[in-house]
N, C-alpha and C. Protein backbone atom coordinates (compact mmCIF):
# COMPACT_ATOMS: atom_id res chain seq x y z
N MET A 1 86.16 90.53 196.86
CA MET A 1 85.34 91.46 196.34
C MET A 1 85.33 91.46 194.66
N SER A 2 83.99 91.75 194.04
CA SER A 2 84.14 91.42 192.53
C SER A 2 84.72 92.61 191.99
N PRO A 3 85.23 92.68 190.91
CA PRO A 3 85.58 93.96 189.96
C PRO A 3 84.50 95.28 189.90
N MET A 4 84.68 96.40 190.14
CA MET A 4 83.33 97.10 189.78
C MET A 4 84.26 98.03 188.73
N LEU A 5 83.34 98.56 187.85
CA LEU A 5 83.65 99.08 186.75
C LEU A 5 82.87 100.72 186.98
N ALA A 6 83.59 101.82 186.47
CA ALA A 6 83.09 103.26 186.46
C ALA A 6 81.78 103.30 185.71
N GLN A 7 81.05 103.89 186.68
CA GLN A 7 79.65 104.08 185.78
C GLN A 7 79.02 105.48 186.37
N GLN A 8 78.20 105.86 185.28
CA GLN A 8 77.28 106.81 185.85
C GLN A 8 76.14 106.49 186.57
N ALA A 9 76.19 107.36 187.76
CA ALA A 9 74.71 106.76 188.67
C ALA A 9 73.72 107.46 187.88
N THR A 10 74.01 108.60 187.35
CA THR A 10 72.89 109.22 186.51
C THR A 10 73.70 109.65 185.33
N ASN A 11 73.01 110.48 184.60
CA ASN A 11 73.73 111.27 183.38
C ASN A 11 74.31 112.76 183.97
N GLN A 12 74.03 112.86 185.34
CA GLN A 12 74.69 114.18 186.12
C GLN A 12 76.00 113.93 186.98
N HIS A 13 76.22 112.45 187.18
CA HIS A 13 77.51 112.59 188.01
C HIS A 13 78.17 111.07 187.72
N LEU A 14 79.16 110.60 188.05
CA LEU A 14 80.11 109.55 187.78
C LEU A 14 80.80 108.98 189.35
N LEU A 15 80.82 107.55 189.63
CA LEU A 15 81.31 107.32 190.50
C LEU A 15 82.62 106.69 190.12
N HIS A 16 83.81 107.13 191.07
CA HIS A 16 84.85 106.39 190.50
C HIS A 16 85.98 105.88 191.27
N ILE A 17 86.43 104.63 191.57
CA ILE A 17 87.35 104.28 192.85
C ILE A 17 88.50 105.57 193.07
N LEU A 18 88.86 106.19 193.85
CA LEU A 18 89.58 106.58 194.36
C LEU A 18 91.07 106.30 193.90
N GLU A 19 91.97 106.81 193.28
CA GLU A 19 93.23 106.52 193.26
C GLU A 19 94.54 107.43 193.41
N PRO A 20 95.69 107.18 193.47
CA PRO A 20 96.87 108.20 193.72
C PRO A 20 96.84 109.60 193.16
N GLU A 21 96.57 109.45 191.76
CA GLU A 21 96.33 110.43 190.92
C GLU A 21 95.11 111.38 191.37
N HIS A 22 93.83 111.17 192.17
CA HIS A 22 93.01 112.14 192.67
C HIS A 22 93.63 112.78 193.87
N ALA A 23 94.56 112.62 194.91
CA ALA A 23 95.13 113.11 196.14
C ALA A 23 95.13 114.57 195.92
N GLU A 24 95.51 115.22 194.95
CA GLU A 24 95.65 116.92 195.03
C GLU A 24 93.98 117.24 194.74
N GLU A 25 93.52 116.79 193.85
CA GLU A 25 92.24 117.27 194.22
C GLU A 25 91.09 117.09 195.22
N LEU A 26 91.31 115.94 195.70
CA LEU A 26 90.66 115.66 196.88
C LEU A 26 91.06 116.63 197.97
N PHE A 27 91.79 116.53 198.10
CA PHE A 27 92.71 117.30 199.46
C PHE A 27 92.22 118.66 199.09
N ALA A 28 92.33 119.43 198.06
CA ALA A 28 91.77 120.71 197.57
C ALA A 28 90.24 120.92 198.15
N LEU A 29 89.36 119.76 197.75
CA LEU A 29 88.20 119.76 197.82
C LEU A 29 87.81 120.01 199.34
N SER A 30 88.33 118.73 200.17
CA SER A 30 88.13 119.05 201.82
C SER A 30 88.84 120.04 202.31
N ASP A 31 90.00 120.75 201.77
CA ASP A 31 90.58 121.40 202.61
C ASP A 31 89.51 122.74 202.16
N SER A 32 89.25 123.12 201.15
CA SER A 32 88.33 124.11 200.69
C SER A 32 86.86 124.21 201.37
N ASN A 33 86.50 123.09 202.14
CA ASN A 33 85.14 122.80 202.49
C ASN A 33 85.32 122.44 203.86
N ARG A 34 86.43 122.75 204.46
CA ARG A 34 86.43 122.58 206.16
C ARG A 34 85.97 122.62 207.04
N SER A 35 85.27 124.16 207.22
CA SER A 35 84.59 124.54 208.10
C SER A 35 83.37 123.48 207.94
N PHE A 36 82.71 123.35 206.63
CA PHE A 36 81.42 122.93 206.55
C PHE A 36 81.31 121.47 206.96
N LEU A 37 82.34 120.78 206.50
CA LEU A 37 82.61 118.99 206.68
C LEU A 37 83.08 119.00 208.26
N ARG A 38 83.80 120.27 208.77
CA ARG A 38 84.06 119.84 210.24
C ARG A 38 82.91 119.61 211.29
N ARG A 39 81.74 119.80 210.89
CA ARG A 39 80.54 119.76 211.59
C ARG A 39 80.23 118.66 212.11
N PHE A 40 80.41 117.21 211.03
CA PHE A 40 80.05 116.20 211.62
C PHE A 40 81.33 115.07 211.08
N LEU A 41 82.54 115.65 210.46
CA LEU A 41 83.50 114.48 210.08
C LEU A 41 84.97 114.63 211.00
N PRO A 42 84.82 113.79 211.70
CA PRO A 42 86.09 113.43 212.33
C PRO A 42 87.65 113.67 212.14
N TRP A 43 87.75 113.63 210.79
CA TRP A 43 89.09 113.43 210.20
C TRP A 43 89.57 114.71 209.64
N LEU A 44 88.97 115.65 209.81
CA LEU A 44 89.42 116.53 208.98
C LEU A 44 90.85 117.33 209.53
N ASP A 45 91.14 117.18 210.90
CA ASP A 45 92.27 117.86 211.48
C ASP A 45 93.41 117.25 211.05
N ASN A 46 93.14 115.76 210.76
CA ASN A 46 94.05 115.00 210.40
C ASN A 46 94.77 115.03 209.06
N CYS A 47 94.11 115.77 208.09
CA CYS A 47 94.09 115.90 206.61
C CYS A 47 95.14 117.67 206.65
N LYS A 48 95.83 117.44 206.52
CA LYS A 48 96.68 118.77 206.76
C LYS A 48 97.57 119.33 205.25
N THR A 49 97.77 118.17 204.57
CA THR A 49 98.59 118.17 203.30
C THR A 49 97.67 117.33 201.99
N PRO A 50 98.36 117.11 201.03
CA PRO A 50 98.10 116.73 199.94
C PRO A 50 98.59 115.15 200.41
N GLU A 51 99.51 115.29 200.93
CA GLU A 51 100.12 113.82 201.47
C GLU A 51 99.50 112.99 202.20
N ASP A 52 98.56 113.16 203.37
CA ASP A 52 97.78 113.03 204.02
C ASP A 52 96.49 112.43 203.27
N THR A 53 96.15 113.03 202.33
CA THR A 53 94.92 112.54 201.33
C THR A 53 95.59 111.40 200.38
N ARG A 54 96.65 111.69 200.00
CA ARG A 54 97.43 110.54 199.08
C ARG A 54 97.62 109.32 200.41
N ALA A 55 97.75 109.31 201.42
CA ALA A 55 98.17 108.26 202.25
C ALA A 55 96.64 107.35 202.61
N PHE A 56 95.76 108.31 202.79
CA PHE A 56 94.40 107.57 203.00
C PHE A 56 93.81 107.13 201.73
N ILE A 57 94.27 107.60 200.57
CA ILE A 57 93.93 106.87 199.22
C ILE A 57 94.73 105.73 199.01
N LYS A 58 95.85 105.53 199.40
CA LYS A 58 96.70 104.55 199.71
C LYS A 58 96.21 103.45 200.79
N THR A 59 95.78 103.59 201.54
CA THR A 59 95.08 102.60 202.65
C THR A 59 93.55 102.15 202.08
N ALA A 60 92.99 103.22 201.46
CA ALA A 60 91.66 102.72 201.02
C ALA A 60 91.71 101.86 199.58
N LEU A 61 92.91 101.86 198.99
CA LEU A 61 92.79 101.00 197.81
C LEU A 61 93.40 99.74 198.52
N THR A 62 94.19 99.49 199.22
CA THR A 62 94.45 98.40 199.80
C THR A 62 93.08 97.76 200.54
N GLN A 63 92.35 98.30 201.14
CA GLN A 63 90.99 97.82 201.68
C GLN A 63 90.45 97.43 200.47
N PHE A 64 90.25 98.27 199.50
CA PHE A 64 89.53 97.66 198.31
C PHE A 64 90.10 96.38 197.64
N THR A 65 91.54 96.50 197.42
CA THR A 65 92.00 94.91 197.02
C THR A 65 91.73 93.60 198.00
N GLU A 66 91.82 93.67 199.10
CA GLU A 66 91.65 92.95 200.24
C GLU A 66 90.08 92.69 200.59
N GLY A 67 89.24 93.65 199.66
CA GLY A 67 87.84 92.96 199.70
C GLY A 67 87.02 93.52 201.16
N LYS A 68 87.75 94.59 201.66
CA LYS A 68 87.53 95.02 202.72
C LYS A 68 86.48 96.27 202.93
N GLY A 69 86.03 96.95 201.65
CA GLY A 69 85.47 97.68 201.24
C GLY A 69 86.08 98.94 200.64
N PHE A 70 85.50 100.17 200.34
CA PHE A 70 86.06 100.73 199.15
C PHE A 70 85.94 102.43 199.21
N ASN A 71 86.51 103.26 198.50
CA ASN A 71 86.03 104.73 198.88
C ASN A 71 85.96 105.16 197.06
N ALA A 72 85.15 105.85 196.54
CA ALA A 72 84.74 106.48 195.67
C ALA A 72 84.78 107.97 195.31
N GLY A 73 85.11 108.53 194.66
CA GLY A 73 84.64 110.25 194.36
C GLY A 73 83.76 110.18 193.74
N ILE A 74 82.69 111.20 194.00
CA ILE A 74 81.49 111.47 192.97
C ILE A 74 82.16 112.62 192.14
N TRP A 75 81.96 112.55 191.09
CA TRP A 75 82.25 113.74 190.12
C TRP A 75 81.08 114.35 189.35
N ALA A 76 81.01 115.71 189.70
CA ALA A 76 80.09 116.02 188.68
C ALA A 76 80.30 117.11 188.07
N ASP A 77 79.71 117.75 186.84
CA ASP A 77 80.39 118.90 186.15
C ASP A 77 81.95 118.94 186.04
N GLN A 78 82.50 117.75 185.88
CA GLN A 78 83.74 117.29 185.59
C GLN A 78 84.53 117.79 186.97
N ARG A 79 83.95 117.87 188.20
CA ARG A 79 84.70 117.75 189.29
C ARG A 79 84.23 116.96 190.18
N LEU A 80 85.59 116.64 191.38
CA LEU A 80 85.06 115.87 192.51
C LEU A 80 84.37 116.59 193.49
N ILE A 81 83.17 116.31 194.14
CA ILE A 81 82.22 116.90 194.87
C ILE A 81 82.37 116.48 196.01
N GLY A 82 82.50 115.01 196.13
CA GLY A 82 81.93 114.30 197.76
C GLY A 82 82.64 112.89 197.49
N VAL A 83 82.65 111.98 198.21
CA VAL A 83 83.02 110.68 198.74
C VAL A 83 81.94 109.98 199.13
N ILE A 84 81.76 108.52 198.39
CA ILE A 84 81.39 107.68 198.94
C ILE A 84 81.95 106.01 199.15
N GLY A 85 81.33 105.21 200.16
CA GLY A 85 81.95 103.67 200.00
C GLY A 85 81.60 103.22 201.28
N HIS A 86 82.05 102.06 201.49
CA HIS A 86 81.91 101.20 202.42
C HIS A 86 82.96 101.23 203.51
N HIS A 87 82.76 101.68 204.45
CA HIS A 87 83.81 102.00 205.58
C HIS A 87 84.36 100.44 205.77
N SER A 88 83.48 99.62 206.03
CA SER A 88 83.86 98.29 206.18
C SER A 88 83.03 97.16 205.34
N ILE A 89 83.49 96.17 205.74
CA ILE A 89 82.64 94.94 205.11
C ILE A 89 83.05 93.60 205.86
N ASP A 90 81.88 93.47 206.64
CA ASP A 90 81.77 91.87 207.61
C ASP A 90 81.51 90.91 206.77
N TRP A 91 82.31 90.18 206.31
CA TRP A 91 81.93 89.30 205.25
C TRP A 91 81.74 87.89 206.47
N SER A 92 81.84 87.56 207.41
CA SER A 92 81.59 86.73 208.28
C SER A 92 79.77 86.64 208.45
N ASN A 93 79.05 88.10 208.60
CA ASN A 93 77.79 88.31 209.04
C ASN A 93 77.37 88.93 207.50
N ARG A 94 77.98 89.19 206.26
CA ARG A 94 77.76 89.89 205.25
C ARG A 94 76.92 91.11 205.51
N ILE A 95 77.98 92.19 206.28
CA ILE A 95 77.32 93.33 206.30
C ILE A 95 78.14 94.28 205.91
N ALA A 96 77.87 95.43 205.14
CA ALA A 96 78.33 96.47 204.98
C ALA A 96 78.48 97.91 205.65
N THR A 97 79.34 98.66 205.95
CA THR A 97 78.59 99.95 206.50
C THR A 97 78.96 101.13 205.51
N LEU A 98 77.94 101.45 204.97
CA LEU A 98 78.11 102.80 203.91
C LEU A 98 78.15 104.11 204.56
N GLY A 99 79.32 105.07 204.23
CA GLY A 99 79.39 106.57 204.34
C GLY A 99 79.65 107.39 203.03
N TYR A 100 79.21 108.54 203.09
CA TYR A 100 79.45 109.40 202.48
C TYR A 100 79.14 110.77 202.51
N TRP A 101 80.09 111.77 201.87
CA TRP A 101 79.81 113.07 202.02
C TRP A 101 80.16 113.59 200.74
N LEU A 102 79.25 115.10 200.56
CA LEU A 102 79.13 115.74 199.83
C LEU A 102 79.12 117.51 199.90
N THR A 103 79.90 118.19 199.29
CA THR A 103 80.07 119.59 199.57
C THR A 103 78.70 120.42 199.64
N GLU A 104 78.87 121.31 200.22
CA GLU A 104 77.30 121.97 200.09
C GLU A 104 76.64 122.34 198.88
N PRO A 105 77.20 122.72 198.11
CA PRO A 105 76.62 123.42 196.77
C PRO A 105 76.26 122.47 196.02
N TYR A 106 76.45 120.93 196.17
CA TYR A 106 75.95 120.30 195.67
C TYR A 106 75.02 119.46 196.10
N GLN A 107 74.42 119.72 197.37
CA GLN A 107 73.36 119.28 198.32
C GLN A 107 72.15 119.63 198.01
N GLY A 108 71.20 118.57 198.19
CA GLY A 108 69.72 119.20 197.64
C GLY A 108 69.44 118.58 196.10
N ARG A 109 70.26 118.15 195.56
CA ARG A 109 69.96 117.83 194.18
C ARG A 109 69.71 116.10 193.59
N GLY A 110 69.65 115.46 194.57
CA GLY A 110 69.48 113.91 194.82
C GLY A 110 70.70 113.22 194.14
N ILE A 111 72.07 113.81 194.25
CA ILE A 111 72.87 113.50 193.91
C ILE A 111 73.42 112.16 194.79
N ILE A 112 73.64 112.49 196.18
CA ILE A 112 73.55 111.08 197.15
C ILE A 112 72.58 110.23 196.86
N ASN A 113 71.56 110.73 196.84
CA ASN A 113 70.38 109.46 196.71
C ASN A 113 70.89 108.25 195.99
N SER A 114 71.51 109.23 194.70
CA SER A 114 71.35 108.37 193.25
C SER A 114 72.70 107.47 193.62
N ALA A 115 73.64 108.16 194.03
CA ALA A 115 75.17 107.30 194.41
C ALA A 115 74.96 106.25 195.52
N CYS A 116 74.17 106.34 196.70
CA CYS A 116 73.79 105.32 197.70
C CYS A 116 73.25 104.40 196.57
N ARG A 117 71.74 104.63 196.09
CA ARG A 117 71.54 103.53 195.24
C ARG A 117 72.49 102.58 194.53
N THR A 118 73.23 103.22 194.03
CA THR A 118 74.33 102.40 193.18
C THR A 118 75.06 101.66 194.00
N VAL A 119 75.49 102.18 194.84
CA VAL A 119 76.57 101.49 195.77
C VAL A 119 75.71 100.30 196.49
N ILE A 120 74.37 100.79 196.92
CA ILE A 120 73.83 99.51 198.04
C ILE A 120 73.45 98.42 196.93
N GLY A 121 73.07 98.95 195.86
CA GLY A 121 72.64 98.03 194.32
C GLY A 121 74.01 96.79 194.44
N HIS A 122 74.87 97.57 194.15
CA HIS A 122 76.21 96.71 193.91
C HIS A 122 76.15 95.82 195.37
N ALA A 123 76.28 96.13 196.57
CA ALA A 123 76.34 95.31 197.90
C ALA A 123 75.49 94.23 197.72
N PHE A 124 74.44 94.51 197.24
CA PHE A 124 73.50 93.48 197.31
C PHE A 124 73.53 92.60 196.07
N ASP A 125 73.55 92.97 195.00
CA ASP A 125 73.71 92.08 193.49
C ASP A 125 75.02 91.55 193.27
N GLU A 126 75.85 92.26 193.53
CA GLU A 126 77.08 92.12 193.25
C GLU A 126 78.16 91.26 194.37
N LEU A 127 78.18 91.53 195.37
CA LEU A 127 78.75 91.45 196.53
C LEU A 127 77.89 90.54 197.44
N HIS A 128 76.60 90.30 197.26
CA HIS A 128 75.96 89.30 197.70
C HIS A 128 75.38 89.67 199.25
N LEU A 129 75.93 90.79 199.82
CA LEU A 129 75.67 90.86 200.88
C LEU A 129 74.42 90.97 201.48
N ASN A 130 73.84 90.61 202.84
CA ASN A 130 72.68 90.73 203.42
C ASN A 130 72.37 91.90 203.86
N LYS A 131 73.16 92.80 204.29
CA LYS A 131 72.72 93.81 205.49
C LYS A 131 73.35 95.33 204.83
N VAL A 132 73.05 96.54 204.53
CA VAL A 132 73.63 97.80 204.49
C VAL A 132 73.95 98.68 205.84
N VAL A 133 74.48 98.62 206.36
CA VAL A 133 74.26 100.04 207.67
C VAL A 133 74.86 101.39 207.09
N ILE A 134 73.79 102.49 207.64
CA ILE A 134 74.51 103.84 207.07
C ILE A 134 74.27 104.45 208.62
N LYS A 135 75.29 104.97 209.37
CA LYS A 135 75.40 105.82 210.54
C LYS A 135 75.47 107.18 210.22
N CYS A 136 74.79 107.96 210.86
CA CYS A 136 74.60 109.47 211.11
C CYS A 136 74.40 109.90 212.12
N ALA A 137 75.24 111.21 212.12
CA ALA A 137 75.17 111.89 213.44
C ALA A 137 73.87 112.17 213.81
N THR A 138 73.28 112.57 214.76
CA THR A 138 72.36 112.92 215.24
C THR A 138 71.43 114.18 214.75
N ASP A 139 72.74 114.90 214.77
CA ASP A 139 72.25 116.56 214.37
C ASP A 139 72.12 116.74 212.83
N ASN A 140 72.82 115.75 212.04
CA ASN A 140 72.98 115.85 210.51
C ASN A 140 71.55 115.21 209.69
N VAL A 141 70.75 116.66 209.59
CA VAL A 141 69.64 116.09 209.42
C VAL A 141 69.33 115.98 207.93
N ARG A 142 70.35 116.48 206.90
CA ARG A 142 70.49 116.03 205.79
C ARG A 142 70.91 114.36 205.33
N SER A 143 71.83 114.37 206.14
CA SER A 143 72.42 113.24 206.18
C SER A 143 71.68 112.09 206.62
N ARG A 144 70.73 112.14 207.63
CA ARG A 144 69.99 110.90 207.88
C ARG A 144 68.68 111.06 207.31
N ALA A 145 68.36 111.97 206.13
CA ALA A 145 67.34 111.88 205.01
C ALA A 145 67.77 110.80 204.24
N VAL A 146 68.84 110.63 204.25
CA VAL A 146 69.00 109.82 202.95
C VAL A 146 68.71 108.28 203.14
N PRO A 147 69.39 107.92 204.36
CA PRO A 147 68.40 106.29 204.54
C PRO A 147 67.13 106.45 204.75
N GLN A 148 66.42 107.11 205.27
CA GLN A 148 65.03 107.43 205.20
C GLN A 148 64.24 107.70 204.07
N ARG A 149 64.82 108.19 202.88
CA ARG A 149 64.30 108.08 201.68
C ARG A 149 64.35 106.86 201.03
N LEU A 150 65.31 105.96 201.26
CA LEU A 150 65.87 104.76 200.50
C LEU A 150 65.04 103.73 201.17
N GLY A 151 64.30 104.05 202.38
CA GLY A 151 63.56 103.01 203.05
C GLY A 151 64.40 102.31 204.06
N PHE A 152 65.28 102.73 204.42
CA PHE A 152 65.78 102.08 205.69
C PHE A 152 65.29 102.06 206.46
N VAL A 153 65.63 101.03 207.74
CA VAL A 153 64.68 101.00 209.25
C VAL A 153 65.59 101.54 210.11
N HIS A 154 65.28 102.49 210.93
CA HIS A 154 66.15 103.14 212.16
C HIS A 154 66.11 102.09 213.12
N GLU A 155 67.20 101.60 213.48
CA GLU A 155 67.71 100.63 214.33
C GLU A 155 67.86 101.36 215.78
N GLY A 156 68.45 102.38 215.88
CA GLY A 156 68.48 102.83 217.29
C GLY A 156 69.29 104.12 216.94
N THR A 157 69.83 104.85 218.43
CA THR A 157 70.89 105.58 218.52
C THR A 157 72.31 105.32 219.10
N LEU A 158 73.32 105.39 218.76
CA LEU A 158 74.48 104.77 219.39
C LEU A 158 75.03 106.30 220.11
N ARG A 159 74.62 106.27 221.69
CA ARG A 159 75.08 107.41 222.63
C ARG A 159 76.74 107.65 222.71
N ASP A 160 77.12 109.02 222.41
CA ASP A 160 78.41 109.53 222.58
C ASP A 160 79.54 108.15 221.77
N ALA A 161 78.87 108.27 220.38
CA ALA A 161 79.56 107.27 219.85
C ALA A 161 80.77 107.90 218.72
N VAL A 162 81.00 108.87 218.67
CA VAL A 162 81.93 109.68 218.26
C VAL A 162 82.52 111.08 218.70
N TRP A 163 83.98 110.98 219.00
CA TRP A 163 84.80 112.04 219.24
C TRP A 163 84.84 113.27 218.42
N LEU A 164 84.14 114.07 218.30
CA LEU A 164 84.37 115.15 217.62
C LEU A 164 85.14 116.28 218.01
N TYR A 165 86.52 116.46 217.54
CA TYR A 165 87.23 117.29 218.13
C TYR A 165 87.07 117.89 219.57
N ASP A 166 86.06 118.37 220.23
CA ASP A 166 86.39 118.71 221.48
C ASP A 166 84.94 118.17 222.06
N HIS A 167 83.96 117.20 221.42
CA HIS A 167 82.87 116.96 222.34
C HIS A 167 82.36 115.57 221.74
N TYR A 168 81.68 114.77 222.21
CA TYR A 168 81.22 113.83 221.85
C TYR A 168 79.91 113.89 220.97
N ILE A 169 79.59 113.04 220.03
CA ILE A 169 78.36 113.14 218.72
C ILE A 169 77.68 111.75 219.20
N ASP A 170 76.33 111.69 219.25
CA ASP A 170 75.31 110.51 218.83
C ASP A 170 75.17 110.15 217.48
N LEU A 171 75.49 108.90 217.08
CA LEU A 171 75.08 108.69 215.79
C LEU A 171 73.92 107.55 215.77
N GLU A 172 73.07 107.85 214.83
CA GLU A 172 71.70 107.02 214.38
C GLU A 172 72.01 106.20 213.30
N VAL A 173 71.42 104.95 213.64
CA VAL A 173 71.89 103.71 212.79
C VAL A 173 70.51 103.32 212.12
N TYR A 174 70.61 103.38 210.63
CA TYR A 174 69.90 102.94 209.75
C TYR A 174 70.46 101.33 209.12
N SER A 175 69.48 100.53 208.54
CA SER A 175 69.58 99.21 208.15
C SER A 175 69.06 99.40 207.24
N CYS A 176 69.38 98.55 206.03
CA CYS A 176 68.50 97.80 205.14
C CYS A 176 69.09 96.51 204.80
N LEU A 177 67.89 95.61 204.58
CA LEU A 177 68.29 93.76 204.24
C LEU A 177 68.28 93.65 202.65
N GLN A 178 68.82 92.69 202.27
CA GLN A 178 69.02 92.31 200.74
C GLN A 178 67.27 92.37 200.39
N ARG A 179 66.69 91.37 201.17
CA ARG A 179 65.25 91.07 200.63
C ARG A 179 64.01 92.42 200.54
N GLU A 180 64.86 93.56 201.35
CA GLU A 180 63.92 94.50 201.63
C GLU A 180 64.26 95.57 200.57
N TRP A 181 65.36 95.16 200.02
CA TRP A 181 66.11 96.22 199.18
C TRP A 181 65.39 95.71 197.53
N GLN A 182 65.22 94.35 197.33
CA GLN A 182 64.90 93.77 195.96
C GLN A 182 63.42 93.91 195.91
N HIS A 183 62.73 94.15 196.69
CA HIS A 183 61.07 94.19 196.75
C HIS A 183 60.95 95.88 196.81
N HIS A 184 61.86 97.04 196.80
CA HIS A 184 61.70 98.07 196.68
C HIS A 184 62.52 99.09 196.14
N GLN A 185 63.55 98.41 195.29
CA GLN A 185 64.15 99.39 194.80
C GLN A 185 64.49 99.03 193.00
N PRO A 186 64.41 99.98 192.18
CA PRO A 186 64.84 99.79 191.20
C PRO A 186 66.12 99.22 190.97
N HIS A 187 66.91 98.51 189.78
CA HIS A 187 68.11 97.84 189.70
C HIS A 187 68.93 98.74 189.40
N PRO A 188 70.00 98.72 190.07
CA PRO A 188 71.05 99.99 189.91
C PRO A 188 71.99 99.20 189.05
N VAL A 189 73.20 100.57 188.35
CA VAL A 189 73.95 100.48 187.62
C VAL A 189 75.26 99.95 188.76
N ARG A 190 76.61 99.56 188.22
CA ARG A 190 77.73 98.94 189.11
C ARG A 190 78.74 99.87 188.95
N ILE A 191 79.36 100.02 190.04
CA ILE A 191 80.34 101.11 189.91
C ILE A 191 81.89 100.80 190.18
N GLY A 192 82.78 101.44 190.01
CA GLY A 192 83.64 101.13 190.47
C GLY A 192 85.29 101.43 189.79
N LEU A 193 86.15 100.59 189.52
CA LEU A 193 87.59 100.99 189.01
C LEU A 193 87.40 100.81 187.64
N PRO A 194 87.78 101.94 186.97
CA PRO A 194 88.02 101.62 185.44
C PRO A 194 88.98 101.17 185.01
N PRO A 195 89.25 100.73 183.46
CA PRO A 195 90.39 100.32 182.83
C PRO A 195 91.20 101.51 182.86
N VAL A 196 92.53 101.05 182.88
CA VAL A 196 93.93 102.02 182.87
C VAL A 196 94.20 102.34 181.33
């Protein structure tokens, strides 16, 4: 995976690869937004301490180093407000699966749209992938609106795709091909790991 540079996706927010020094802030963010995030994210019950978050970041950095994906924090107003990244990269087929979450107070401001444009542009322009996939819970209307606004194609529904604490939920699958993105999107900035 090509190196990535920390950049402002807009004048309002910054994307930055998560590092161990962010563990306390990320845990505090997820913990204080637990009930809101738990509606659609299945990992909250396994994140009980800052050490759990630190272990997640360590795993994510290994994934990044091995070129298999990455997790970047989204900062606004000099505070961490969410996470975005490639859950996985299938290099054989040149497909990345993109995921994201944002705290409730910062939703509806276009931040996720802009962050997604940056990450998708990086996938196509820097990593030369052919396809980016976004999977959203069927009932997560706000999350589903993101790929719809970005011109992704709805490929279908994965039934009972995720066990969410005490029940299964369906996922909607959206995708965009490199040739489609190049014809319909402005050129994005790059993101990633800043110099130490």
